Amino acid sequence: MARMTSFNRFAAPLPPRVSIAATLSLLLLSGCNASDTTSGDITDDSSTITSLSIVYARPLAAPLGEFDTVTVRALALDQRGREVPGADVQWRWESGGDVWTSFRLSEGRVHIELGRSEMTISATIAGTNPLARTILTIKPVLRESVAFWSDGHDLYPIVTPPGFVNVVPLALNDRGTVVGYMDTGKGGLGRRAFIRKDGKFIFPAGGNAGAASAATSVNGLDVVAGWAGSNAFVWSESEGMSLLPRAGSYSAMAKAINDAGEVAGDLYAGEGYTLRAFRWSPRTGLSFLPVTGAHDSFAVGLTFAGAVLGEEGISDALVARNFTERKTVIWSVDGEQIPLPCCSVTASSINDRGEVVGITNSKAFRWDAANGLTQIAADFPSSWAVAINRNGDAVGTWGNVGLHTNAFVWKGDGTVVTINRPGSVSSITPTAISDNGSIVGYFK
């Protein structure tokens, strides 16, 4: 345990200066009452201080979760129940080596930034008479997933508003604007689109009131695309949410937006709810992308020039986007369909140079018209490249799906860098990489 008088988390442990007269522990769990405190009573009447408690500076509105911040202080009372000011309080803490737990002492209060592990903090009153000591143990409630930002080497949690159990970023730009969705309940309940801009969260309003929503893409001008209920939308801070035409379809979903404001997505059209990829332009409106025969199609990505990456095939009647006779294609700016002339692949992303990444035969791949298909050289048991920026740097995940997964950056020159996974994290799933190399995703 490290002594907290200087709050150096890397300081060597110090031996206790005093004996402990009384100890009482409190475990803060999801059912904890915010007014609970811990105390150890001193029975020796010769001591000025007869009891000591650790109390919260503000009542807790909800159980403490991972990466929440809380402030506590020591409350010393005399035998008449009056607070004794200026008590000599020595603080100690232990967090199991969690790299994200931090403590700061300011004006007699301890400001705690929780990590993901159980944390114990103790306060001790020193003096010539019998001594008082009290312990508080906090076990944060873990979310289903936590959003992160990464520089390509380490993970940094994105602190999100309380009340959300699942936070998934889907895209970001060079300005640092991040978009995605949050869930208020398990299994996708209460799903809401979010935009994180300049460190603040925005929840775009519009579409079907109370319906699920997600922000899927953001361009370099902070214009966002996504879906709300059965509608595809674009959003900007100046114009708010604008719904795209559905062309008589049952539902529509925007997948990507470029700096020209063009959007790629897919919608269910016609009596049989055929899934069709589309491109929408603020100048020319919505147009369906051509397919072979009666095939269904969906969009995956969009380039700066307006080329669309996607798939076509015969859709499973029960599982949308689960195709047979499937093939990955690029629809050119003119609408021409260009199939990837190689093996069976699942594409995830395309950049402005026409480079495509994804997975084939359980290995991450990159493809372009000049060099064909290249699989990642790293000896991973399984890997998947999920996004690529205009510099040719791709980000992806590797490991045993369902168990421990890790993240990697596959640079344009072929080198592979693994992102560090802290011990308190079981899996890392990156979702996007910006042109300046910033990465977002989520971990569990």
Protein backbone atom coordinates (compact mmCIF):
# COMPACT_ATOMS: atom_id res chain seq x y z
CA MET A 1 0.00 0.00 0.00
CA ALA A 2 1.35 3.41 -0.92
CA ARG A 3 1.16 6.34 1.48
CA MET A 4 -0.88 9.17 0.01
CA THR A 5 0.58 12.25 1.64
CA SER A 6 2.35 13.03 -1.67
CA PHE A 7 0.07 10.86 -3.84
CA ASN A 8 2.96 9.42 -5.81
CA ARG A 9 1.42 6.19 -7.07
CA PHE A 10 4.85 4.76 -7.77
CA ALA A 11 6.33 5.53 -4.33
CA ALA A 12 7.69 2.63 -2.31
CA PRO A 13 5.32 1.36 0.43
CA LEU A 14 5.91 2.94 3.82
CA PRO A 15 5.66 1.09 7.14
CA PRO A 16 2.66 2.05 9.27
CA ARG A 17 3.52 4.81 11.74
CA VAL A 18 0.91 3.82 14.27
CA SER A 19 -0.95 0.86 15.70
CA ILE A 20 -4.57 0.39 14.71
CA ALA A 21 -7.06 0.75 17.54
CA ALA A 22 -10.17 -0.11 15.58
CA THR A 23 -10.99 -0.99 11.98
CA LEU A 24 -14.27 -1.33 10.12
CA SER A 25 -14.55 -1.94 6.37
CA LEU A 26 -17.30 -1.01 3.95
CA LEU A 27 -17.74 -2.67 0.57
CA LEU A 28 -19.45 -0.38 -1.91
CA LEU A 29 -21.53 -2.53 -4.26
CA SER A 30 -24.40 -1.79 -6.63
CA GLY A 31 -26.95 -1.81 -3.80
CA CYS A 32 -24.99 0.52 -1.57
CA ASN A 33 -26.73 3.51 -0.01
CA ALA A 34 -24.95 6.76 -0.86
CA SER A 35 -25.10 7.91 2.77
CA ASP A 36 -23.17 4.91 4.12
CA THR A 37 -19.85 5.65 5.83
CA THR A 38 -17.27 3.59 7.65
CA SER A 39 -16.16 4.29 11.20
CA GLY A 40 -13.94 3.00 13.96
CA ASP A 41 -14.81 4.10 17.50
CA ILE A 42 -12.21 4.90 20.18
CA THR A 43 -13.29 4.24 23.75
CA ASP A 44 -10.40 5.96 25.53
CA ASP A 45 -11.84 9.22 26.94
CA SER A 46 -8.36 10.75 27.07
CA SER A 47 -8.37 11.03 23.26
CA THR A 48 -9.77 14.22 21.77
CA ILE A 49 -10.92 12.32 18.67
CA THR A 50 -13.20 9.41 19.48
CA SER A 51 -14.41 8.39 16.01
CA LEU A 52 -13.30 8.66 12.40
CA SER A 53 -15.29 8.19 9.20
CA ILE A 54 -14.69 8.44 5.49
CA VAL A 55 -17.63 10.27 3.92
CA TYR A 56 -18.50 11.27 0.36
CA ALA A 57 -18.19 14.98 -0.35
CA ARG A 58 -21.44 14.71 -2.34
CA PRO A 59 -24.20 12.09 -2.14
CA LEU A 60 -23.90 9.43 -4.83
CA ALA A 61 -26.68 9.53 -7.43
CA ALA A 62 -25.93 5.97 -8.62
CA PRO A 63 -23.52 3.09 -7.89
CA LEU A 64 -19.96 3.97 -8.83
CA GLY A 65 -18.84 2.59 -12.18
CA GLU A 66 -15.46 2.16 -13.81
CA PHE A 67 -13.72 5.45 -14.63
CA ASP A 68 -16.15 7.42 -12.47
CA THR A 69 -14.74 10.19 -10.28
CA VAL A 70 -15.57 10.54 -6.59
CA THR A 71 -14.39 12.81 -3.79
CA VAL A 72 -14.15 11.70 -0.14
CA ARG A 73 -12.98 13.32 3.08
CA ALA A 74 -12.19 12.18 6.61
CA LEU A 75 -14.68 13.17 9.31
CA ALA A 76 -13.16 13.20 12.83
CA LEU A 77 -15.54 13.58 15.79
CA ASP A 78 -15.00 14.09 19.54
CA GLN A 79 -16.92 12.21 22.25
CA ARG A 80 -19.75 14.76 22.00
CA GLY A 81 -20.17 14.14 18.28
CA ARG A 82 -18.61 17.45 17.24
CA GLU A 83 -16.27 17.61 14.23
CA VAL A 84 -12.63 18.15 15.14
CA PRO A 85 -11.08 20.49 12.56
CA GLY A 86 -7.46 20.27 11.46
CA ALA A 87 -7.08 16.57 12.31
CA ASP A 88 -3.74 15.07 11.23
CA VAL A 89 -5.02 12.55 8.66
CA GLN A 90 -2.66 10.10 6.97
CA TRP A 91 -4.04 8.50 3.79
CA ARG A 92 -3.10 5.17 2.21
CA TRP A 93 -4.48 3.41 -0.85
CA GLU A 94 -4.25 0.18 -2.81
CA SER A 95 -5.75 -0.57 -6.22
CA GLY A 96 -4.29 -3.89 -7.29
CA GLY A 97 -1.92 -2.29 -9.78
CA ASP A 98 -4.73 -0.85 -11.94
CA VAL A 99 -3.04 1.58 -14.33
CA TRP A 100 -6.13 3.80 -14.53
CA THR A 101 -6.72 4.42 -10.83
CA SER A 102 -5.46 7.79 -9.60
CA PHE A 103 -5.70 9.81 -6.37
CA ARG A 104 -5.21 13.49 -5.68
CA LEU A 105 -5.23 15.28 -2.32
CA SER A 106 -6.51 18.85 -2.27
CA GLU A 107 -7.57 20.92 0.76
CA GLY A 108 -8.16 17.88 2.93
CA ARG A 109 -10.19 16.00 0.33
CA VAL A 110 -9.21 13.00 -1.76
CA HIS A 111 -10.26 13.05 -5.42
CA ILE A 112 -10.36 9.51 -6.81
CA GLU A 113 -10.49 8.53 -10.47
CA LEU A 114 -11.55 4.91 -10.48
CA GLY A 115 -10.13 2.29 -12.81
CA ARG A 116 -11.57 -1.18 -13.31
CA SER A 117 -10.29 -2.92 -10.17
CA GLU A 118 -11.35 -2.92 -6.54
CA MET A 119 -9.74 -0.08 -4.64
CA THR A 120 -9.13 0.30 -0.89
CA ILE A 121 -8.44 3.63 0.80
CA SER A 122 -7.73 4.17 4.51
CA ALA A 123 -7.53 7.21 6.76
CA THR A 124 -5.59 7.25 10.03
CA ILE A 125 -5.43 9.87 12.80
CA ALA A 126 -1.99 10.11 14.41
CA GLY A 127 -1.39 11.36 17.96
CA THR A 128 -0.09 10.50 21.42
CA ASN A 129 -3.40 9.01 22.57
CA PRO A 130 -5.17 5.98 21.09
CA LEU A 131 -5.45 6.28 17.34
CA ALA A 132 -8.35 5.99 14.91
CA ARG A 133 -8.28 4.30 11.52
CA THR A 134 -11.05 3.60 8.99
CA ILE A 135 -11.15 1.80 5.64
CA LEU A 136 -13.31 2.26 2.55
CA THR A 137 -13.38 -0.35 -0.22
CA ILE A 138 -14.90 0.54 -3.59
CA LYS A 139 -15.69 -2.09 -6.19
CA PRO A 140 -16.73 -0.27 -9.40
CA VAL A 141 -19.59 -1.64 -11.46
CA LEU A 142 -18.17 -2.66 -14.86
CA ARG A 143 -19.88 -1.71 -18.11
CA GLU A 144 -20.48 -4.16 -20.98
CA SER A 145 -17.96 -2.18 -23.00
CA VAL A 146 -15.89 0.98 -22.59
CA ALA A 147 -14.95 3.40 -25.37
CA PHE A 148 -11.26 4.14 -25.87
CA TRP A 149 -8.89 6.36 -27.80
CA SER A 150 -5.41 5.16 -28.71
CA ASP A 151 -2.25 6.63 -30.17
CA GLY A 152 -1.39 3.23 -31.61
CA HIS A 153 0.48 2.05 -28.54
CA ASP A 154 -1.61 2.58 -25.38
CA LEU A 155 -5.32 2.76 -24.49
CA TYR A 156 -6.99 5.80 -22.96
CA PRO A 157 -10.61 5.40 -21.79
CA ILE A 158 -13.14 7.93 -23.08
CA VAL A 159 -15.14 8.99 -20.02
CA THR A 160 -18.83 8.87 -20.90
CA PRO A 161 -21.98 10.15 -19.19
CA PRO A 162 -23.45 7.98 -16.42
CA GLY A 163 -26.32 5.62 -17.11
CA PHE A 164 -24.87 3.89 -20.19
CA VAL A 165 -23.70 0.28 -19.90
CA ASN A 166 -22.37 -0.18 -23.44
CA VAL A 167 -20.43 2.46 -25.41
CA VAL A 168 -19.23 1.79 -28.97
CA PRO A 169 -17.43 4.43 -31.09
CA LEU A 170 -17.71 3.75 -34.83
CA ALA A 171 -15.78 6.57 -36.53
CA LEU A 172 -13.59 9.63 -35.94
CA ASN A 173 -11.92 12.38 -37.95
CA ASP A 174 -8.67 14.35 -37.72
CA ARG A 175 -10.39 16.99 -35.59
CA GLY A 176 -10.91 14.39 -32.88
CA THR A 177 -14.69 14.22 -33.30
CA VAL A 178 -15.91 10.72 -32.41
CA VAL A 179 -19.31 9.23 -33.26
CA GLY A 180 -21.06 5.96 -32.37
CA TYR A 181 -23.77 4.72 -30.07
CA MET A 182 -24.48 4.07 -26.37
CA ASP A 183 -26.91 1.63 -24.74
CA THR A 184 -28.77 2.32 -21.50
CA GLY A 185 -29.59 -1.38 -21.03
CA LYS A 186 -28.08 -4.72 -21.86
CA GLY A 187 -28.62 -6.28 -25.28
CA GLY A 188 -28.84 -2.97 -27.12
CA LEU A 189 -31.76 -1.54 -25.14
CA GLY A 190 -32.05 2.23 -25.17
CA ARG A 191 -29.54 2.64 -28.03
CA ARG A 192 -28.71 6.28 -28.75
CA ALA A 193 -26.47 7.93 -31.32
CA PHE A 194 -23.74 10.13 -29.87
CA ILE A 195 -21.29 12.71 -31.15
CA ARG A 196 -18.28 13.63 -29.02
CA LYS A 197 -16.93 16.98 -30.12
CA ASP A 198 -14.44 19.19 -28.28
CA GLY A 199 -14.70 16.87 -25.27
CA LYS A 200 -18.49 17.22 -24.99
CA PHE A 201 -21.20 14.71 -25.85
CA ILE A 202 -24.08 15.59 -28.18
CA PHE A 203 -27.11 13.35 -28.62
CA PRO A 204 -28.72 14.30 -31.96
CA ALA A 205 -32.50 14.58 -31.87
CA GLY A 206 -34.90 13.72 -34.70
CA GLY A 207 -36.22 10.73 -36.60
CA ASN A 208 -38.63 8.45 -34.79
CA ALA A 209 -39.09 9.80 -31.27
CA GLY A 210 -37.74 7.31 -28.74
CA ALA A 211 -36.46 4.94 -31.44
CA ALA A 212 -32.99 3.40 -31.43
CA SER A 213 -30.28 5.32 -33.27
CA ALA A 214 -26.56 5.24 -34.10
CA ALA A 215 -24.05 7.62 -35.67
CA THR A 216 -21.94 5.60 -38.09
CA SER A 217 -19.62 8.04 -39.86
CA VAL A 218 -18.22 11.58 -39.64
CA ASN A 219 -16.43 13.55 -42.36
CA GLY A 220 -13.63 16.10 -42.06
CA LEU A 221 -16.15 18.94 -41.66
CA ASP A 222 -17.88 17.33 -38.65
CA VAL A 223 -20.96 16.39 -40.68
CA VAL A 224 -22.30 13.08 -39.36
CA ALA A 225 -24.26 10.23 -40.99
CA GLY A 226 -26.22 7.50 -39.26
CA TRP A 227 -29.67 6.08 -38.68
CA ALA A 228 -32.55 6.77 -36.31
CA GLY A 229 -35.42 4.30 -36.18
CA SER A 230 -36.23 3.47 -39.80
CA ASN A 231 -34.54 6.56 -41.28
CA ALA A 232 -31.06 7.39 -42.50
CA PHE A 233 -29.86 10.85 -41.51
CA VAL A 234 -27.16 13.48 -41.83
CA TRP A 235 -26.43 15.85 -38.97
CA SER A 236 -24.42 19.03 -38.54
CA GLU A 237 -24.15 21.39 -35.62
CA SER A 238 -25.60 24.25 -37.66
CA GLU A 239 -28.43 22.37 -39.41
CA GLY A 240 -29.27 19.66 -36.89
CA MET A 241 -30.66 16.32 -38.16
CA SER A 242 -31.96 15.94 -41.71
CA LEU A 243 -33.60 12.69 -42.79
CA LEU A 244 -32.67 11.19 -46.17
CA PRO A 245 -35.41 10.07 -48.57
CA ARG A 246 -36.43 6.43 -48.20
CA ALA A 247 -37.71 6.03 -51.78
CA GLY A 248 -40.72 4.05 -50.58
CA SER A 249 -38.57 1.64 -48.60
CA TYR A 250 -39.33 0.02 -45.25
CA SER A 251 -36.16 1.34 -43.61
CA ALA A 252 -32.84 2.97 -44.47
CA MET A 253 -29.41 3.10 -42.90
CA ALA A 254 -26.51 5.47 -43.69
CA LYS A 255 -23.07 3.84 -43.43
CA ALA A 256 -20.51 6.43 -44.58
CA ILE A 257 -20.19 10.11 -45.51
CA ASN A 258 -17.39 11.93 -47.37
CA ASP A 259 -16.28 15.56 -47.34
CA ALA A 260 -18.55 16.35 -50.30
CA GLY A 261 -21.52 15.39 -48.15
CA GLU A 262 -22.26 12.25 -50.19
CA VAL A 263 -23.64 9.31 -48.25
CA ALA A 264 -23.47 5.55 -48.87
CA GLY A 265 -25.90 3.16 -47.21
CA ASP A 266 -28.59 0.57 -47.80
CA LEU A 267 -32.34 0.25 -47.49
CA TYR A 268 -35.11 -2.32 -47.74
CA ALA A 269 -37.00 -1.62 -50.95
CA GLY A 270 -39.99 -3.15 -52.75
CA GLU A 271 -42.62 -5.64 -51.65
CA GLY A 272 -40.09 -8.34 -50.79
CA TYR A 273 -38.00 -5.96 -48.67
CA THR A 274 -35.04 -6.37 -51.00
CA LEU A 275 -31.85 -5.00 -49.47
CA ARG A 276 -30.31 -2.42 -51.83
CA ALA A 277 -27.13 -0.34 -51.57
CA PHE A 278 -27.52 3.34 -52.40
CA ARG A 279 -25.54 6.51 -52.84
CA TRP A 280 -27.06 9.86 -51.90
CA SER A 281 -25.80 13.28 -52.93
CA PRO A 282 -27.06 16.67 -51.78
CA ARG A 283 -26.96 17.68 -55.48
CA THR A 284 -28.49 14.67 -57.24
CA GLY A 285 -30.43 12.93 -54.49
CA LEU A 286 -30.69 9.15 -53.94
CA SER A 287 -29.75 6.51 -56.51
CA PHE A 288 -29.61 2.70 -56.21
CA LEU A 289 -26.33 0.99 -57.10
CA PRO A 290 -26.58 -1.66 -59.85
CA VAL A 291 -26.55 -5.37 -59.01
CA THR A 292 -26.43 -8.65 -60.90
CA GLY A 293 -29.89 -10.03 -61.61
CA ALA A 294 -32.08 -10.23 -58.49
CA HIS A 295 -29.20 -9.99 -56.05
CA ASP A 296 -29.42 -7.99 -52.83
CA SER A 297 -26.63 -5.57 -51.91
CA PHE A 298 -25.35 -3.43 -49.08
CA ALA A 299 -22.76 -0.68 -48.63
CA VAL A 300 -19.68 -0.78 -46.40
CA GLY A 301 -17.59 2.30 -47.19
CA LEU A 302 -17.21 5.40 -49.34
CA THR A 303 -14.23 7.24 -50.84
CA PHE A 304 -13.64 10.97 -51.13
CA ALA A 305 -14.42 10.78 -54.86
CA GLY A 306 -17.69 8.89 -54.27
CA ALA A 307 -16.80 5.25 -55.02
CA VAL A 308 -18.74 2.82 -52.79
CA LEU A 309 -17.46 -0.43 -51.28
CA GLY A 310 -20.02 -3.14 -50.57
CA GLU A 311 -21.29 -6.64 -51.23
CA GLU A 312 -23.95 -8.26 -53.34
CA GLY A 313 -25.50 -11.73 -53.31
CA ILE A 314 -28.66 -13.65 -52.49
CA SER A 315 -29.85 -12.57 -49.07
CA ASP A 316 -30.79 -15.06 -46.36
CA ALA A 317 -34.52 -14.72 -45.71
CA LEU A 318 -33.94 -14.82 -41.96
CA VAL A 319 -30.59 -13.06 -41.49
CA ALA A 320 -30.08 -9.73 -43.24
CA ARG A 321 -26.71 -9.20 -44.95
CA ASN A 322 -25.97 -12.94 -44.73
CA PHE A 323 -25.44 -13.62 -48.44
CA THR A 324 -24.96 -16.70 -50.57
CA GLU A 325 -23.35 -16.35 -54.01
CA ARG A 326 -21.79 -13.29 -52.43
CA LYS A 327 -19.04 -11.11 -53.84
CA THR A 328 -17.28 -7.95 -52.72
CA VAL A 329 -17.60 -5.09 -55.19
CA ILE A 330 -16.65 -1.45 -55.68
CA TRP A 331 -19.20 0.78 -57.39
CA SER A 332 -17.30 3.49 -59.26
CA VAL A 333 -18.33 7.14 -59.31
CA ASP A 334 -20.13 6.41 -62.61
CA GLY A 335 -22.00 3.48 -61.07
CA GLU A 336 -19.97 0.74 -62.76
CA GLN A 337 -19.66 -2.39 -60.63
CA ILE A 338 -16.07 -3.58 -60.16
CA PRO A 339 -15.78 -6.95 -58.35
CA LEU A 340 -12.62 -7.75 -56.43
CA PRO A 341 -10.97 -10.31 -58.74
CA CYS A 342 -9.79 -12.76 -56.09
CA CYS A 343 -10.80 -15.14 -53.40
CA SER A 344 -13.75 -15.00 -51.06
CA VAL A 345 -13.28 -12.00 -48.79
CA THR A 346 -15.26 -9.96 -46.29
CA ALA A 347 -14.43 -6.29 -46.78
CA SER A 348 -14.53 -3.78 -43.93
CA SER A 349 -13.20 -0.47 -45.23
CA ILE A 350 -11.89 1.43 -48.27
CA ASN A 351 -9.67 4.52 -48.40
CA ASP A 352 -9.36 7.31 -50.96
CA ARG A 353 -6.60 5.42 -52.81
CA GLY A 354 -8.94 2.49 -53.42
CA GLU A 355 -7.22 0.19 -50.93
CA VAL A 356 -9.59 -2.29 -49.30
CA VAL A 357 -9.10 -4.19 -46.04
CA GLY A 358 -11.00 -6.98 -44.32
CA ILE A 359 -10.68 -10.70 -43.62
CA THR A 360 -10.16 -13.79 -45.76
CA ASN A 361 -9.45 -17.32 -44.51
CA SER A 362 -9.25 -16.02 -40.90
CA LYS A 363 -6.49 -13.54 -41.74
CA ALA A 364 -6.48 -9.78 -42.23
CA PHE A 365 -5.94 -8.68 -45.82
CA ARG A 366 -5.33 -5.55 -47.86
CA TRP A 367 -6.17 -5.25 -51.57
CA ASP A 368 -5.62 -2.71 -54.32
CA ALA A 369 -5.88 -2.87 -58.09
CA ALA A 370 -2.11 -2.60 -58.63
CA ASN A 371 -0.86 -5.19 -56.11
CA GLY A 372 -3.81 -7.52 -55.64
CA LEU A 373 -4.44 -9.17 -52.30
CA THR A 374 -1.87 -9.28 -49.47
CA GLN A 375 -2.43 -11.03 -46.14
CA ILE A 376 -0.93 -9.75 -42.91
CA ALA A 377 2.48 -11.28 -42.24
CA ALA A 378 2.15 -11.38 -38.45
CA ASP A 379 1.70 -14.86 -36.98
CA PHE A 380 -1.68 -14.23 -35.35
CA PRO A 381 -4.07 -17.16 -34.68
CA SER A 382 -6.87 -15.11 -36.28
CA SER A 383 -6.95 -11.51 -37.47
CA TRP A 384 -9.30 -9.00 -39.09
CA ALA A 385 -8.46 -5.55 -40.49
CA VAL A 386 -11.47 -3.33 -39.74
CA ALA A 387 -10.48 0.14 -41.04
CA ILE A 388 -7.88 1.88 -43.19
CA ASN A 389 -6.93 5.55 -43.53
CA ARG A 390 -5.80 7.43 -46.62
CA ASN A 391 -2.13 6.81 -45.71
CA GLY A 392 -2.64 3.05 -46.01
CA ASP A 393 -2.42 2.40 -42.26
CA ALA A 394 -4.96 -0.21 -41.16
CA VAL A 395 -6.20 -1.12 -37.70
CA GLY A 396 -7.64 -4.46 -36.68
CA THR A 397 -8.09 -7.14 -34.07
CA TRP A 398 -6.39 -10.48 -33.50
CA GLY A 399 -6.68 -13.36 -31.06
CA ASN A 400 -9.26 -15.93 -30.08
CA VAL A 401 -12.72 -14.54 -30.78
CA GLY A 402 -14.90 -14.75 -27.68
CA LEU A 403 -11.88 -14.96 -25.38
CA HIS A 404 -8.95 -12.54 -25.28
CA THR A 405 -8.63 -10.31 -28.35
CA ASN A 406 -5.97 -7.71 -29.04
CA ALA A 407 -5.54 -4.80 -31.43
CA PHE A 408 -2.90 -4.07 -34.06
CA VAL A 409 -1.88 -1.34 -36.48
CA TRP A 410 -0.79 -2.60 -39.91
CA LYS A 411 1.13 0.27 -41.44
CA GLY A 412 1.29 1.05 -45.12
CA ASP A 413 4.93 -0.09 -45.25
CA GLY A 414 3.92 -3.55 -43.98
CA THR A 415 5.11 -3.27 -40.38
CA VAL A 416 2.73 -4.41 -37.64
CA VAL A 417 2.48 -2.84 -34.17
CA THR A 418 0.44 -4.39 -31.35
CA ILE A 419 -1.50 -2.05 -29.07
CA ASN A 420 -0.79 -2.69 -25.38
CA ARG A 421 -3.61 -4.45 -23.49
CA PRO A 422 -3.70 -3.65 -19.74
CA GLY A 423 -4.18 -6.55 -17.35
CA SER A 424 -7.67 -5.42 -16.33
CA VAL A 425 -8.88 -5.63 -19.96
CA SER A 426 -9.88 -8.95 -21.54
CA SER A 427 -10.52 -7.85 -25.13
CA ILE A 428 -9.85 -4.86 -27.39
CA THR A 429 -11.93 -4.11 -30.49
CA PRO A 430 -10.76 -1.13 -32.60
CA THR A 431 -13.34 0.30 -34.99
CA ALA A 432 -11.72 3.24 -36.82
CA ILE A 433 -8.45 5.02 -37.56
CA SER A 434 -8.11 8.66 -38.62
CA ASP A 435 -5.68 9.99 -41.19
CA ASN A 436 -3.47 11.35 -38.40
CA GLY A 437 -3.26 7.87 -36.83
CA SER A 438 -5.66 8.23 -33.91
CA ILE A 439 -7.70 5.09 -33.16
CA VAL A 440 -11.02 4.53 -31.41
CA GLY A 441 -12.83 1.39 -30.38
CA TYR A 442 -14.08 -0.35 -27.26
CA PHE A 443 -12.78 -2.81 -24.73
CA LYS A 444 -14.19 -5.22 -22.15
